[in-house]
Amino acid sequence: MLIAGMIALALGTYAFRWSGPALRDRIRFPARTIQLLEVGAVVLLAALVAVTALPTASGHFGFALPAGVLVAALLAWRKQPILLVILAAATTTALLRLLGLP
């Protein structure tokens, strides 16, 4: 059952990735739809960052994690390489926790 699921997912992924180049010249989206899809992607990523970076279930809101996310957002806004963004955010969070900040 597991192998059948893996094969089905692999075939589905291949078909989905193949459909983009295959249908590129056949389907045209209006400019408004393209703009809404771009904005939707940004909103989705922002929501993902907010849910991941701002824990609310425990009621304890530390400073280190949001500070790391802020550093990552600043570096991403300045168009730095993604590896630098991730390492800087992780380092900022780790150093602040090492200094005793929650």
N, C-alpha and C. Protein backbone atom coordinates (compact mmCIF):
# COMPACT_ATOMS: atom_id res chain seq x y z
N MET A 1 0.82 -1.19 0.00
CA MET A 1 0.00 0.00 0.00
C MET A 1 0.87 1.26 0.00
N LEU A 2 1.95 1.22 0.78
CA LEU A 2 2.85 2.37 0.85
C LEU A 2 3.53 2.64 -0.49
N ILE A 3 3.98 1.59 -1.13
CA ILE A 3 4.66 1.75 -2.43
C ILE A 3 3.68 2.25 -3.49
N ALA A 4 2.45 1.77 -3.45
CA ALA A 4 1.44 2.25 -4.40
C ALA A 4 1.17 3.74 -4.19
N GLY A 5 1.12 4.17 -2.94
CA GLY A 5 0.93 5.59 -2.64
C GLY A 5 2.10 6.43 -3.12
N MET A 6 3.31 5.92 -2.92
CA MET A 6 4.50 6.64 -3.37
C MET A 6 4.52 6.78 -4.88
N ILE A 7 4.16 5.71 -5.58
CA ILE A 7 4.13 5.76 -7.05
C ILE A 7 3.06 6.73 -7.54
N ALA A 8 1.89 6.70 -6.89
CA ALA A 8 0.82 7.62 -7.28
C ALA A 8 1.24 9.08 -7.06
N LEU A 9 1.87 9.36 -5.93
CA LEU A 9 2.34 10.72 -5.67
C LEU A 9 3.43 11.14 -6.65
N ALA A 10 4.33 10.23 -6.98
CA ALA A 10 5.39 10.55 -7.93
C ALA A 10 4.81 10.85 -9.31
N LEU A 11 3.86 10.02 -9.75
CA LEU A 11 3.25 10.25 -11.06
C LEU A 11 2.44 11.56 -11.07
N GLY A 12 1.72 11.82 -9.99
CA GLY A 12 0.96 13.07 -9.90
C GLY A 12 1.86 14.29 -9.91
N THR A 13 2.97 14.21 -9.18
CA THR A 13 3.92 15.32 -9.16
C THR A 13 4.52 15.54 -10.55
N TYR A 14 4.90 14.47 -11.22
CA TYR A 14 5.46 14.58 -12.56
C TYR A 14 4.45 15.20 -13.52
N ALA A 15 3.20 14.74 -13.45
CA ALA A 15 2.16 15.26 -14.35
C ALA A 15 1.89 16.74 -14.06
N PHE A 16 1.87 17.10 -12.79
CA PHE A 16 1.62 18.49 -12.43
C PHE A 16 2.76 19.40 -12.92
N ARG A 17 4.00 18.95 -12.75
CA ARG A 17 5.14 19.75 -13.19
C ARG A 17 5.21 19.81 -14.71
N TRP A 18 4.81 18.77 -15.38
CA TRP A 18 4.83 18.74 -16.84
C TRP A 18 3.75 19.63 -17.43
N SER A 19 2.64 19.78 -16.72
CA SER A 19 1.51 20.55 -17.27
C SER A 19 1.84 22.03 -17.44
N GLY A 20 2.71 22.58 -16.62
CA GLY A 20 3.07 24.00 -16.76
C GLY A 20 3.66 24.33 -18.11
N PRO A 21 4.79 23.72 -18.47
CA PRO A 21 5.34 23.99 -19.80
C PRO A 21 4.45 23.54 -20.94
N ALA A 22 3.71 22.45 -20.75
CA ALA A 22 2.86 21.95 -21.83
C ALA A 22 1.69 22.88 -22.13
N LEU A 23 1.17 23.53 -21.11
CA LEU A 23 -0.01 24.39 -21.30
C LEU A 23 0.32 25.88 -21.34
N ARG A 24 1.58 26.23 -21.28
CA ARG A 24 1.97 27.64 -21.22
C ARG A 24 1.42 28.47 -22.38
N ASP A 25 1.47 27.93 -23.59
CA ASP A 25 1.03 28.69 -24.77
C ASP A 25 -0.47 28.56 -25.03
N ARG A 26 -1.15 27.66 -24.34
CA ARG A 26 -2.57 27.43 -24.60
C ARG A 26 -3.49 28.20 -23.68
N ILE A 27 -3.03 28.53 -22.49
CA ILE A 27 -3.89 29.19 -21.51
C ILE A 27 -3.35 30.59 -21.23
N ARG A 28 -4.22 31.57 -21.31
CA ARG A 28 -3.86 32.96 -21.00
C ARG A 28 -4.73 33.44 -19.85
N PHE A 29 -4.11 33.99 -18.83
CA PHE A 29 -4.83 34.54 -17.70
C PHE A 29 -4.91 36.06 -17.85
N PRO A 30 -6.02 36.64 -17.42
CA PRO A 30 -6.11 38.10 -17.44
C PRO A 30 -5.09 38.72 -16.48
N ALA A 31 -4.73 39.96 -16.74
CA ALA A 31 -3.72 40.64 -15.91
C ALA A 31 -4.18 40.73 -14.46
N ARG A 32 -5.46 40.94 -14.24
CA ARG A 32 -5.99 41.05 -12.87
C ARG A 32 -5.83 39.72 -12.13
N THR A 33 -6.03 38.61 -12.80
CA THR A 33 -5.87 37.30 -12.17
C THR A 33 -4.41 37.06 -11.80
N ILE A 34 -3.51 37.43 -12.67
CA ILE A 34 -2.08 37.27 -12.38
C ILE A 34 -1.69 38.11 -11.18
N GLN A 35 -2.19 39.34 -11.12
CA GLN A 35 -1.89 40.21 -9.98
C GLN A 35 -2.45 39.62 -8.68
N LEU A 36 -3.66 39.09 -8.70
CA LEU A 36 -4.25 38.49 -7.51
C LEU A 36 -3.48 37.25 -7.06
N LEU A 37 -2.99 36.45 -8.00
CA LEU A 37 -2.20 35.28 -7.64
C LEU A 37 -0.87 35.68 -7.00
N GLU A 38 -0.25 36.75 -7.50
CA GLU A 38 1.00 37.22 -6.91
C GLU A 38 0.77 37.73 -5.50
N VAL A 39 -0.27 38.51 -5.30
CA VAL A 39 -0.59 39.02 -3.97
C VAL A 39 -0.96 37.87 -3.04
N GLY A 40 -1.70 36.90 -3.55
CA GLY A 40 -2.07 35.74 -2.74
C GLY A 40 -0.87 34.96 -2.25
N ALA A 41 0.15 34.83 -3.09
CA ALA A 41 1.36 34.12 -2.67
C ALA A 41 2.06 34.86 -1.54
N VAL A 42 2.12 36.18 -1.63
CA VAL A 42 2.76 36.97 -0.57
C VAL A 42 1.97 36.86 0.73
N VAL A 43 0.65 36.94 0.64
CA VAL A 43 -0.19 36.83 1.83
C VAL A 43 -0.05 35.46 2.46
N LEU A 44 -0.01 34.42 1.65
CA LEU A 44 0.15 33.06 2.17
C LEU A 44 1.48 32.90 2.89
N LEU A 45 2.56 33.41 2.32
CA LEU A 45 3.86 33.32 2.99
C LEU A 45 3.89 34.14 4.28
N ALA A 46 3.28 35.32 4.27
CA ALA A 46 3.23 36.13 5.49
C ALA A 46 2.44 35.42 6.59
N ALA A 47 1.35 34.78 6.23
CA ALA A 47 0.56 34.03 7.21
C ALA A 47 1.34 32.86 7.76
N LEU A 48 2.09 32.19 6.91
CA LEU A 48 2.91 31.07 7.35
C LEU A 48 3.98 31.54 8.34
N VAL A 49 4.61 32.66 8.04
CA VAL A 49 5.62 33.21 8.95
C VAL A 49 4.97 33.59 10.28
N ALA A 50 3.81 34.23 10.24
CA ALA A 50 3.16 34.66 11.47
C ALA A 50 2.77 33.46 12.34
N VAL A 51 2.22 32.43 11.73
CA VAL A 51 1.80 31.25 12.50
C VAL A 51 3.01 30.53 13.08
N THR A 52 4.09 30.48 12.34
CA THR A 52 5.29 29.78 12.80
C THR A 52 6.07 30.58 13.82
N ALA A 53 6.15 31.88 13.64
CA ALA A 53 7.05 32.70 14.46
C ALA A 53 6.41 33.25 15.73
N LEU A 54 5.12 33.31 15.79
CA LEU A 54 4.46 33.92 16.94
C LEU A 54 3.63 32.89 17.69
N PRO A 55 4.25 32.18 18.62
CA PRO A 55 3.50 31.15 19.35
C PRO A 55 2.47 31.77 20.29
N THR A 56 1.26 31.27 20.25
CA THR A 56 0.21 31.81 21.12
C THR A 56 -0.41 30.75 22.01
N ALA A 57 -0.16 29.49 21.76
CA ALA A 57 -0.81 28.43 22.53
C ALA A 57 -0.34 28.40 23.98
N SER A 58 0.94 28.70 24.21
CA SER A 58 1.46 28.62 25.57
C SER A 58 1.16 29.88 26.38
N GLY A 59 0.81 30.95 25.71
CA GLY A 59 0.56 32.20 26.42
C GLY A 59 1.84 32.96 26.73
N HIS A 60 2.99 32.31 26.55
CA HIS A 60 4.28 32.96 26.81
C HIS A 60 4.85 33.45 25.49
N PHE A 61 5.07 34.73 25.40
CA PHE A 61 5.54 35.33 24.17
C PHE A 61 6.96 35.83 24.39
N GLY A 62 7.92 35.09 23.89
CA GLY A 62 9.31 35.47 24.06
C GLY A 62 9.74 36.54 23.07
N PHE A 63 10.97 36.99 23.21
CA PHE A 63 11.49 38.04 22.35
C PHE A 63 12.44 37.50 21.29
N ALA A 64 13.10 36.38 21.56
CA ALA A 64 14.15 35.88 20.68
C ALA A 64 13.61 35.45 19.32
N LEU A 65 12.54 34.71 19.31
CA LEU A 65 12.01 34.20 18.04
C LEU A 65 11.50 35.32 17.12
N PRO A 66 10.67 36.25 17.61
CA PRO A 66 10.27 37.36 16.74
C PRO A 66 11.45 38.23 16.29
N ALA A 67 12.47 38.35 17.13
CA ALA A 67 13.65 39.13 16.73
C ALA A 67 14.36 38.43 15.57
N GLY A 68 14.45 37.11 15.61
CA GLY A 68 15.06 36.37 14.51
C GLY A 68 14.26 36.51 13.23
N VAL A 69 12.94 36.47 13.35
CA VAL A 69 12.08 36.65 12.18
C VAL A 69 12.23 38.07 11.62
N LEU A 70 12.34 39.04 12.50
CA LEU A 70 12.54 40.43 12.06
C LEU A 70 13.86 40.58 11.30
N VAL A 71 14.91 39.95 11.78
CA VAL A 71 16.20 39.99 11.08
C VAL A 71 16.06 39.33 9.70
N ALA A 72 15.37 38.20 9.65
CA ALA A 72 15.17 37.51 8.37
C ALA A 72 14.36 38.38 7.42
N ALA A 73 13.32 39.02 7.92
CA ALA A 73 12.49 39.88 7.06
C ALA A 73 13.30 41.06 6.52
N LEU A 74 14.12 41.63 7.37
CA LEU A 74 14.95 42.76 6.93
C LEU A 74 15.95 42.34 5.85
N LEU A 75 16.60 41.20 6.06
CA LEU A 75 17.56 40.73 5.07
C LEU A 75 16.87 40.31 3.77
N ALA A 76 15.70 39.69 3.87
CA ALA A 76 14.96 39.31 2.67
C ALA A 76 14.50 40.55 1.91
N TRP A 77 14.09 41.56 2.64
CA TRP A 77 13.67 42.82 2.01
C TRP A 77 14.85 43.47 1.27
N ARG A 78 16.06 43.30 1.81
CA ARG A 78 17.26 43.85 1.18
C ARG A 78 17.80 42.93 0.08
N LYS A 79 17.04 41.86 -0.23
CA LYS A 79 17.35 40.92 -1.31
C LYS A 79 18.69 40.20 -1.11
N GLN A 80 18.92 39.74 0.12
CA GLN A 80 20.11 38.96 0.43
C GLN A 80 19.85 37.50 0.06
N PRO A 81 20.91 36.71 -0.13
CA PRO A 81 20.73 35.29 -0.46
C PRO A 81 19.97 34.56 0.66
N ILE A 82 19.18 33.57 0.27
CA ILE A 82 18.32 32.87 1.22
C ILE A 82 19.13 32.17 2.30
N LEU A 83 20.29 31.64 1.97
CA LEU A 83 21.13 30.98 2.97
C LEU A 83 21.55 31.97 4.04
N LEU A 84 21.92 33.18 3.65
CA LEU A 84 22.29 34.22 4.61
C LEU A 84 21.11 34.60 5.48
N VAL A 85 19.94 34.70 4.89
CA VAL A 85 18.73 35.05 5.64
C VAL A 85 18.45 34.01 6.71
N ILE A 86 18.50 32.74 6.35
CA ILE A 86 18.21 31.66 7.30
C ILE A 86 19.26 31.62 8.40
N LEU A 87 20.52 31.69 8.02
CA LEU A 87 21.59 31.63 9.03
C LEU A 87 21.55 32.82 9.97
N ALA A 88 21.28 34.01 9.45
CA ALA A 88 21.21 35.19 10.31
C ALA A 88 20.04 35.11 11.28
N ALA A 89 18.90 34.64 10.81
CA ALA A 89 17.74 34.50 11.70
C ALA A 89 18.00 33.47 12.79
N ALA A 90 18.56 32.34 12.41
CA ALA A 90 18.84 31.30 13.40
C ALA A 90 19.90 31.76 14.40
N THR A 91 20.92 32.45 13.91
CA THR A 91 21.97 32.95 14.79
C THR A 91 21.43 34.00 15.75
N THR A 92 20.61 34.90 15.26
CA THR A 92 20.03 35.92 16.12
C THR A 92 19.19 35.30 17.22
N THR A 93 18.34 34.35 16.86
CA THR A 93 17.49 33.69 17.86
C THR A 93 18.34 32.92 18.86
N ALA A 94 19.34 32.20 18.38
CA ALA A 94 20.19 31.41 19.27
C ALA A 94 20.99 32.29 20.23
N LEU A 95 21.54 33.39 19.71
CA LEU A 95 22.32 34.27 20.58
C LEU A 95 21.47 34.95 21.63
N LEU A 96 20.28 35.37 21.26
CA LEU A 96 19.40 36.00 22.24
C LEU A 96 18.97 35.01 23.31
N ARG A 97 18.73 33.76 22.93
CA ARG A 97 18.40 32.74 23.93
C ARG A 97 19.58 32.38 24.78
N LEU A 98 20.79 32.40 24.20
CA LEU A 98 22.00 32.15 24.95
C LEU A 98 22.24 33.24 26.00
N LEU A 99 21.84 34.46 25.66
CA LEU A 99 21.97 35.57 26.61
C LEU A 99 20.89 35.56 27.68
N GLY A 100 19.96 34.65 27.58
CA GLY A 100 18.96 34.50 28.62
C GLY A 100 17.61 35.10 28.29
N LEU A 101 17.46 35.66 27.11
CA LEU A 101 16.16 36.21 26.73
C LEU A 101 15.24 35.07 26.31
N PRO A 102 13.97 35.18 26.63
CA PRO A 102 13.06 34.09 26.26
C PRO A 102 12.80 34.04 24.79
